[in-house]
Amino acid sequence: MNENQFISALTIGPRVRKSPFFDATLAAGVKSFTVYNHMYLPTSYGDPLQEYWAMVEGVTLWDVSCERQIEVSGSDAIEFTQLLTPRDVASCPVGRCRYVVFTDHDGGVINDAIMLRLEETRFWLSPGDGDVLLWAQGVAARSGMDVKLTEPDVSPLQLQGPLAPKVARKLFGDVAVEMGYYHLHELELNGIPLVLSRTGWSGELGYEIYLRDGSRGTELWDLVMAAGEEFGIKPACPSAMRTIEGGILSYASDITREDTPFTIGMERLLDLNKSQEYIGKAALQQIAKEGTPRRLVGIEIDGDPISGNDRFWDVFENQDKVGHLTRCAWSPRLERNIGLVNLPTELAEAGTALKVQTLDDLRDGIVVALPWFKSITKIPDDL
């Protein structure tokens, strides 16, 4: 029997932080939470399939305050941010965002993040699950640089789905549909200070709305829901089904410290030979020369629908264990089980036949290229 069948509730207490939208999500009917970055993250409003279809056909609003921001400022802010990531962040103009990875001295991935450049020497880092602020403060303490690292009063919502631009334009005006992908704007809504960015974790059109006054969380939530009512907006949560379909990775599941950016297909985020020093530079340059021994790829799994996995599942070629499945789900659009598997590079080619040990049985699977659905980034001209 699955151990999750014995878990009926998550105890709520002061040790784990509530988001500014916590009360609003309760009023909206949230049914379950998990703990992410020491905060409560909504995981279901009762019907994940309904949330999925609302996300791919309509518009949804998510509380993702657990994306706890790290503000980097000071005269050495650019140099310090360059030290944290192999990507050349100096090439990012003010008012733009970049997707970045942070690596350790062996090239292992510390975390991935959206980086927002608000000013010449002021950045926000929006990471996945993990104590990135503590790590960065440790790096700063030994760097000798003039840099300040803080967690600002910033709490993001995600507005995601093909109708998200309609809601955003109703809230913020034409700037919401004229701004480019991975662009940001500082603005206000009814006097509430915000940052609006064309980013998200759904693979659909979308925005992140960064609240800059935690006392006004319910007010902001209600304003967005009211603006979206005519478009059928639904409260929702990050969707495993949709992110796996899009090859959108989750830190601590699909990405671990054992993986390098080459393992997880993020070579595009590496400016390996940038002149500035960065943590893991020698290791990553060596891997680039020698090749990566493992890769994360897609897999399709035979059989009845699988709702997900509560741990890594073993993957076999013939009778030899060769890797593990990180996440899986039933895809409603593909009408098949899909997942992500970490394999030796020589087995990561599309068409490779494997077996996956699920919770109940050993199933046939076949390697496929990622993603099943590409991310949608361009707002239609006639929206």
Protein backbone atom coordinates (compact mmCIF):
# COMPACT_ATOMS: atom_id res chain seq x y z
CA MET A 1 0.00 0.00 0.00
CA ASN A 2 1.22 3.50 -0.85
CA GLU A 3 2.44 5.30 2.25
CA ASN A 4 0.67 8.45 1.04
CA GLN A 5 -2.65 6.71 1.73
CA PHE A 6 -1.87 7.08 5.41
CA ILE A 7 -1.30 10.84 5.19
CA SER A 8 -4.60 12.69 5.60
CA ALA A 9 -3.51 16.21 6.52
CA LEU A 10 -0.63 18.66 6.71
CA THR A 11 -0.42 20.28 10.13
CA ILE A 12 -0.47 24.09 9.91
CA GLY A 13 1.65 25.95 12.44
CA PRO A 14 3.88 29.02 12.89
CA ARG A 15 7.12 27.19 12.06
CA VAL A 16 6.30 27.23 8.33
CA ARG A 17 5.57 30.60 6.77
CA LYS A 18 2.17 31.47 5.32
CA SER A 19 2.05 33.47 2.11
CA PRO A 20 0.27 36.84 1.82
CA PHE A 21 -2.30 34.98 -0.30
CA PHE A 22 -2.85 32.15 2.21
CA ASP A 23 -6.26 33.36 3.40
CA ALA A 24 -7.35 34.04 -0.17
CA THR A 25 -6.48 30.50 -1.24
CA LEU A 26 -8.48 29.11 1.68
CA ALA A 27 -11.46 31.20 0.62
CA ALA A 28 -10.97 29.94 -2.96
CA GLY A 29 -11.29 26.35 -1.76
CA VAL A 30 -7.74 25.01 -1.61
CA LYS A 31 -7.76 21.37 -0.51
CA SER A 32 -4.09 20.57 0.12
CA PHE A 33 -0.64 22.08 0.63
CA THR A 34 2.96 20.98 0.58
CA VAL A 35 5.99 22.71 2.10
CA TYR A 36 8.32 24.42 -0.40
CA ASN A 37 11.12 26.80 0.56
CA HIS A 38 9.83 26.71 4.16
CA MET A 39 6.41 27.99 3.01
CA TYR A 40 3.00 26.46 2.40
CA LEU A 41 2.41 25.88 -1.32
CA PRO A 42 -1.12 25.00 -2.50
CA THR A 43 -1.14 21.69 -4.38
CA SER A 44 -4.79 21.12 -5.22
CA TYR A 45 -8.18 22.79 -5.30
CA GLY A 46 -9.84 19.39 -5.52
CA ASP A 47 -9.63 18.40 -9.19
CA PRO A 48 -6.15 18.47 -10.82
CA LEU A 49 -7.65 17.54 -14.18
CA GLN A 50 -10.00 20.54 -14.10
CA GLU A 51 -7.06 22.79 -13.18
CA TYR A 52 -5.05 21.32 -16.06
CA TRP A 53 -7.73 22.06 -18.66
CA ALA A 54 -8.28 25.55 -17.27
CA MET A 55 -4.53 26.13 -17.66
CA VAL A 56 -4.26 24.90 -21.27
CA GLU A 57 -7.58 26.30 -22.51
CA GLY A 58 -8.40 29.27 -20.27
CA VAL A 59 -6.68 31.16 -17.47
CA THR A 60 -5.58 30.28 -13.94
CA LEU A 61 -4.16 32.06 -10.89
CA TRP A 62 -1.58 30.41 -8.60
CA ASP A 63 -0.07 31.37 -5.27
CA VAL A 64 3.67 30.81 -5.70
CA SER A 65 4.96 33.02 -2.89
CA CYS A 66 7.21 30.07 -2.06
CA GLU A 67 9.46 31.42 -4.85
CA ARG A 68 11.24 33.38 -2.14
CA GLN A 69 13.14 36.22 -3.75
CA ILE A 70 16.80 37.03 -3.17
CA GLU A 71 17.76 40.63 -3.78
CA VAL A 72 21.36 41.30 -4.82
CA SER A 73 22.47 44.93 -4.57
CA GLY A 74 25.60 46.98 -4.01
CA SER A 75 28.42 48.34 -6.16
CA ASP A 76 29.64 44.77 -6.92
CA ALA A 77 26.17 43.31 -7.61
CA ILE A 78 26.97 42.52 -11.26
CA GLU A 79 30.32 40.94 -10.49
CA PHE A 80 28.83 38.89 -7.65
CA THR A 81 25.87 37.63 -9.72
CA GLN A 82 28.36 36.67 -12.43
CA LEU A 83 30.17 34.58 -9.81
CA LEU A 84 27.00 32.66 -8.93
CA THR A 85 26.05 31.51 -12.43
CA PRO A 86 27.77 30.34 -15.62
CA ARG A 87 25.44 32.58 -17.63
CA ASP A 88 26.66 36.03 -18.64
CA VAL A 89 24.22 38.19 -16.71
CA ALA A 90 25.91 41.45 -17.70
CA SER A 91 24.31 41.04 -21.14
CA CYS A 92 20.84 41.21 -19.56
CA PRO A 93 19.47 44.77 -19.89
CA VAL A 94 17.61 46.50 -17.08
CA GLY A 95 13.93 45.59 -17.38
CA ARG A 96 14.60 42.05 -18.60
CA CYS A 97 14.75 38.58 -17.06
CA ARG A 98 16.98 35.57 -17.65
CA TYR A 99 16.67 31.91 -16.79
CA VAL A 100 19.86 30.88 -14.95
CA VAL A 101 21.41 27.96 -13.11
CA PHE A 102 23.73 28.08 -10.11
CA THR A 103 26.45 25.45 -9.91
CA ASP A 104 28.87 24.15 -7.28
CA HIS A 105 32.62 23.66 -7.77
CA ASP A 106 32.03 20.24 -9.39
CA GLY A 107 29.46 21.63 -11.82
CA GLY A 108 26.50 20.18 -9.89
CA VAL A 109 23.33 22.26 -10.00
CA ILE A 110 22.69 24.17 -6.77
CA ASN A 111 19.38 25.46 -8.13
CA ASP A 112 17.72 27.08 -11.11
CA ALA A 113 16.08 30.50 -11.05
CA ILE A 114 14.52 33.37 -12.92
CA MET A 115 16.80 36.39 -12.61
CA LEU A 116 15.17 39.83 -12.86
CA ARG A 117 17.31 42.91 -13.45
CA LEU A 118 15.48 45.88 -11.96
CA GLU A 119 18.38 48.33 -11.94
CA GLU A 120 22.00 48.36 -13.06
CA THR A 121 23.15 47.05 -9.68
CA ARG A 122 19.94 45.48 -8.36
CA PHE A 123 18.83 41.95 -9.19
CA TRP A 124 16.15 39.59 -7.92
CA LEU A 125 16.76 35.85 -8.03
CA SER A 126 13.63 33.69 -7.98
CA PRO A 127 14.81 30.11 -7.24
CA GLY A 128 13.29 26.69 -6.86
CA ASP A 129 13.09 24.76 -3.60
CA GLY A 130 16.28 25.11 -1.56
CA ASP A 131 18.09 27.51 0.74
CA VAL A 132 19.70 29.54 -2.03
CA LEU A 133 19.85 32.70 0.08
CA LEU A 134 21.98 30.97 2.71
CA TRP A 135 24.29 29.55 0.02
CA ALA A 136 24.64 32.94 -1.65
CA GLN A 137 25.32 34.65 1.68
CA GLY A 138 28.07 32.12 2.30
CA VAL A 139 29.60 32.89 -1.08
CA ALA A 140 29.34 36.61 -0.38
CA ALA A 141 31.03 36.29 2.99
CA ARG A 142 34.16 34.88 1.31
CA SER A 143 34.04 37.03 -1.82
CA GLY A 144 35.32 40.34 -0.43
CA MET A 145 32.81 42.12 -2.68
CA ASP A 146 30.61 45.09 -1.86
CA VAL A 147 27.30 43.26 -2.11
CA LYS A 148 24.15 43.06 -0.01
CA LEU A 149 21.89 39.99 -0.03
CA THR A 150 18.40 40.23 1.43
CA GLU A 151 14.99 38.63 1.12
CA PRO A 152 12.70 41.52 0.12
CA ASP A 153 8.99 41.79 0.83
CA VAL A 154 8.10 40.27 -2.54
CA SER A 155 5.50 37.55 -3.17
CA PRO A 156 4.68 36.30 -6.67
CA LEU A 157 1.43 35.11 -8.17
CA GLN A 158 1.32 33.32 -11.52
CA LEU A 159 -1.36 34.20 -14.05
CA GLN A 160 -1.16 31.40 -16.62
CA GLY A 161 -3.09 30.16 -19.64
CA PRO A 162 -3.94 31.27 -23.19
CA LEU A 163 -6.41 33.87 -21.86
CA ALA A 164 -3.92 35.30 -19.36
CA PRO A 165 -3.04 38.26 -21.65
CA LYS A 166 -6.72 39.27 -21.74
CA VAL A 167 -6.85 39.39 -17.95
CA ALA A 168 -3.48 41.15 -17.73
CA ARG A 169 -4.53 43.81 -20.24
CA LYS A 170 -7.72 44.44 -18.28
CA LEU A 171 -5.64 44.91 -15.13
CA PHE A 172 -2.58 46.75 -16.45
CA GLY A 173 -3.45 48.12 -19.88
CA ASP A 174 -1.75 47.59 -23.22
CA VAL A 175 1.71 47.31 -21.65
CA ALA A 176 0.77 43.76 -20.61
CA VAL A 177 0.35 42.57 -24.22
CA GLU A 178 3.07 44.76 -25.72
CA MET A 179 5.86 43.62 -23.39
CA GLY A 180 8.12 40.90 -24.74
CA TYR A 181 8.77 37.44 -23.37
CA TYR A 182 11.06 37.60 -20.31
CA HIS A 183 10.52 41.38 -20.02
CA LEU A 184 9.42 43.08 -16.79
CA HIS A 185 7.72 46.31 -15.74
CA GLU A 186 7.44 48.02 -12.37
CA LEU A 187 3.91 49.36 -11.90
CA GLU A 188 0.99 49.77 -9.50
CA LEU A 189 -2.53 48.40 -9.33
CA ASN A 190 -4.92 50.37 -7.11
CA GLY A 191 -1.87 51.74 -5.35
CA ILE A 192 -0.40 48.23 -4.78
CA PRO A 193 3.30 48.20 -5.81
CA LEU A 194 4.08 45.37 -8.23
CA VAL A 195 6.52 43.97 -10.74
CA LEU A 196 4.93 42.30 -13.76
CA SER A 197 7.02 39.85 -15.81
CA ARG A 198 6.24 37.72 -18.86
CA THR A 199 7.45 34.51 -17.21
CA GLY A 200 5.91 31.41 -15.68
CA TRP A 201 6.08 27.68 -15.01
CA SER A 202 3.29 26.33 -17.20
CA GLY A 203 4.49 26.33 -20.81
CA GLU A 204 1.42 28.45 -21.61
CA LEU A 205 1.16 32.19 -22.09
CA GLY A 206 1.52 33.82 -18.74
CA TYR A 207 2.82 36.33 -16.26
CA GLU A 208 4.25 36.52 -12.80
CA ILE A 209 2.83 39.31 -10.65
CA TYR A 210 5.29 40.16 -7.88
CA LEU A 211 3.52 41.78 -4.92
CA ARG A 212 5.80 44.26 -3.12
CA ASP A 213 3.62 44.81 -0.02
CA GLY A 214 2.77 41.61 1.82
CA SER A 215 -0.05 43.28 3.75
CA ARG A 216 -2.12 43.53 0.55
CA GLY A 217 -2.13 39.91 -0.60
CA THR A 218 -5.85 39.22 -0.35
CA GLU A 219 -6.62 42.56 -2.01
CA LEU A 220 -4.40 41.72 -5.00
CA TRP A 221 -5.76 38.19 -5.30
CA ASP A 222 -9.34 39.49 -5.35
CA LEU A 223 -8.54 42.16 -7.95
CA VAL A 224 -7.04 39.57 -10.31
CA MET A 225 -9.88 37.11 -9.81
CA ALA A 226 -12.45 39.84 -10.42
CA ALA A 227 -10.70 40.91 -13.63
CA GLY A 228 -10.62 37.30 -14.79
CA GLU A 229 -14.22 36.43 -13.98
CA GLU A 230 -15.52 37.13 -17.49
CA PHE A 231 -12.79 34.85 -18.86
CA GLY A 232 -13.61 31.97 -16.51
CA ILE A 233 -10.48 32.29 -14.37
CA LYS A 234 -9.84 29.41 -11.95
CA PRO A 235 -7.55 29.14 -8.92
CA ALA A 236 -4.95 26.48 -9.62
CA CYS A 237 -1.58 25.02 -8.61
CA PRO A 238 1.58 24.04 -10.47
CA SER A 239 0.59 21.08 -12.66
CA ALA A 240 2.81 18.02 -12.91
CA MET A 241 0.88 16.94 -16.00
CA ARG A 242 1.50 20.21 -17.84
CA THR A 243 5.11 20.70 -16.76
CA ILE A 244 6.13 17.18 -17.74
CA GLU A 245 4.43 17.62 -21.12
CA GLY A 246 6.52 20.76 -21.62
CA GLY A 247 9.79 19.31 -20.31
CA ILE A 248 9.72 21.99 -17.60
CA LEU A 249 11.94 20.79 -14.78
CA SER A 250 11.41 20.77 -11.02
CA TYR A 251 14.33 21.27 -8.66
CA ALA A 252 14.92 18.40 -6.17
CA SER A 253 12.96 16.09 -8.47
CA ASP A 254 14.25 16.38 -12.03
CA ILE A 255 17.34 18.38 -10.98
CA THR A 256 19.67 17.48 -8.10
CA ARG A 257 23.20 18.31 -6.99
CA GLU A 258 24.28 15.10 -8.74
CA ASP A 259 23.28 16.62 -12.08
CA THR A 260 25.19 19.17 -14.12
CA PRO A 261 23.53 21.53 -16.63
CA PHE A 262 24.65 19.11 -19.36
CA THR A 263 22.71 16.26 -17.70
CA ILE A 264 19.45 18.19 -17.72
CA GLY A 265 19.74 19.72 -21.18
CA MET A 266 20.52 23.27 -20.05
CA GLU A 267 23.70 23.82 -22.04
CA ARG A 268 22.01 26.86 -23.56
CA LEU A 269 22.33 28.62 -20.20
CA LEU A 270 26.12 28.30 -20.12
CA ASP A 271 28.52 30.97 -21.27
CA LEU A 272 31.42 28.68 -20.41
CA ASN A 273 34.19 30.95 -21.56
CA LYS A 274 32.93 34.25 -20.21
CA SER A 275 35.86 36.27 -18.89
CA GLN A 276 34.45 36.60 -15.38
CA GLU A 277 35.07 33.89 -12.83
CA TYR A 278 32.11 31.75 -11.78
CA ILE A 279 31.71 28.81 -9.43
CA GLY A 280 32.24 25.53 -11.26
CA LYS A 281 34.00 27.05 -14.29
CA ALA A 282 36.84 24.52 -14.59
CA ALA A 283 34.54 21.54 -13.99
CA LEU A 284 31.95 22.64 -16.54
CA GLN A 285 34.59 23.37 -19.17
CA GLN A 286 36.01 19.87 -18.63
CA ILE A 287 32.58 18.24 -18.97
CA ALA A 288 32.00 20.19 -22.17
CA LYS A 289 35.17 18.64 -23.60
CA GLU A 290 34.62 15.09 -22.37
CA GLY A 291 30.83 14.84 -22.68
CA THR A 292 28.23 14.15 -20.03
CA PRO A 293 27.85 10.57 -18.77
CA ARG A 294 24.11 10.93 -18.11
CA ARG A 295 21.10 12.74 -19.58
CA LEU A 296 17.54 13.55 -18.55
CA VAL A 297 15.10 12.58 -21.30
CA GLY A 298 11.44 11.80 -21.82
CA ILE A 299 9.77 8.43 -21.57
CA GLU A 300 6.37 7.06 -22.49
CA ILE A 301 5.12 4.24 -20.27
CA ASP A 302 2.59 1.59 -21.22
CA GLY A 303 -0.49 0.65 -19.27
CA ASP A 304 -3.29 2.22 -17.27
CA PRO A 305 -3.03 5.85 -16.11
CA ILE A 306 -0.40 6.59 -13.46
CA SER A 307 -1.22 9.51 -11.18
CA GLY A 308 2.38 10.16 -10.21
CA ASN A 309 5.31 8.80 -8.22
CA ASP A 310 6.16 9.54 -4.58
CA ARG A 311 9.84 8.59 -5.00
CA PHE A 312 12.33 7.90 -7.78
CA TRP A 313 11.40 4.70 -9.61
CA ASP A 314 14.05 2.32 -10.93
CA VAL A 315 14.54 2.05 -14.69
CA PHE A 316 15.94 -1.12 -16.29
CA GLU A 317 17.43 -2.18 -19.59
CA ASN A 318 16.89 -5.91 -19.80
CA GLN A 319 17.48 -6.85 -16.14
CA ASP A 320 20.10 -4.21 -15.37
CA LYS A 321 19.15 -1.12 -13.40
CA VAL A 322 20.38 1.80 -15.51
CA GLY A 323 18.67 4.87 -14.11
CA HIS A 324 15.65 6.33 -12.40
CA LEU A 325 12.38 8.02 -13.24
CA THR A 326 12.13 11.46 -11.64
CA ARG A 327 8.48 12.38 -12.27
CA CYS A 328 5.57 10.95 -14.22
CA ALA A 329 1.92 11.67 -14.93
CA TRP A 330 -0.95 10.75 -17.20
CA SER A 331 -1.15 13.27 -20.04
CA PRO A 332 -4.80 14.10 -20.81
CA ARG A 333 -3.98 15.41 -24.29
CA LEU A 334 -1.65 12.59 -25.29
CA GLU A 335 -3.75 9.97 -23.47
CA ARG A 336 -0.67 8.12 -22.27
CA ASN A 337 1.69 7.99 -19.33
CA ILE A 338 4.71 10.24 -19.72
CA GLY A 339 7.69 10.97 -17.50
CA LEU A 340 11.29 12.07 -17.18
CA VAL A 341 14.15 9.61 -16.74
CA ASN A 342 17.81 10.06 -15.84
CA LEU A 343 19.87 7.62 -17.93
CA PRO A 344 23.39 6.88 -19.18
CA THR A 345 23.99 8.98 -22.29
CA GLU A 346 24.29 5.90 -24.49
CA LEU A 347 20.72 4.90 -23.58
CA ALA A 348 19.21 8.38 -23.92
CA GLU A 349 18.45 8.17 -27.64
CA ALA A 350 14.82 8.31 -28.73
CA GLY A 351 13.45 4.83 -29.38
CA THR A 352 15.43 3.04 -26.65
CA ALA A 353 13.25 0.37 -25.02
CA LEU A 354 13.31 0.26 -21.21
CA LYS A 355 11.29 -1.00 -18.28
CA VAL A 356 10.05 1.09 -15.35
CA GLN A 357 9.33 -0.35 -11.92
CA THR A 358 6.16 1.47 -10.91
CA LEU A 359 4.53 1.19 -7.52
CA ASP A 360 2.54 -1.86 -8.62
CA ASP A 361 4.28 -3.51 -11.56
CA LEU A 362 7.11 -3.50 -14.10
CA ARG A 363 6.04 -1.66 -17.24
CA ASP A 364 7.43 -1.22 -20.73
CA GLY A 365 8.63 2.22 -21.72
CA ILE A 366 10.30 3.94 -24.62
CA VAL A 367 12.61 6.96 -24.64
CA VAL A 368 11.32 10.04 -26.48
CA ALA A 369 12.70 13.52 -27.10
CA LEU A 370 11.60 16.46 -24.96
CA PRO A 371 9.27 18.28 -24.94
CA TRP A 372 5.96 16.82 -25.98
CA PHE A 373 4.55 20.37 -26.22
CA LYS A 374 6.76 23.39 -26.78
CA SER A 375 6.27 26.44 -24.57
CA ILE A 376 4.03 29.15 -26.00
CA THR A 377 5.80 32.49 -25.83
CA LYS A 378 4.22 34.82 -28.42
CA ILE A 379 1.01 36.68 -27.65
CA PRO A 380 -1.26 36.53 -30.73
CA ASP A 381 -1.65 39.84 -32.53
CA ASP A 382 -5.45 39.52 -32.56
CA LEU A 383 -5.84 38.69 -28.86
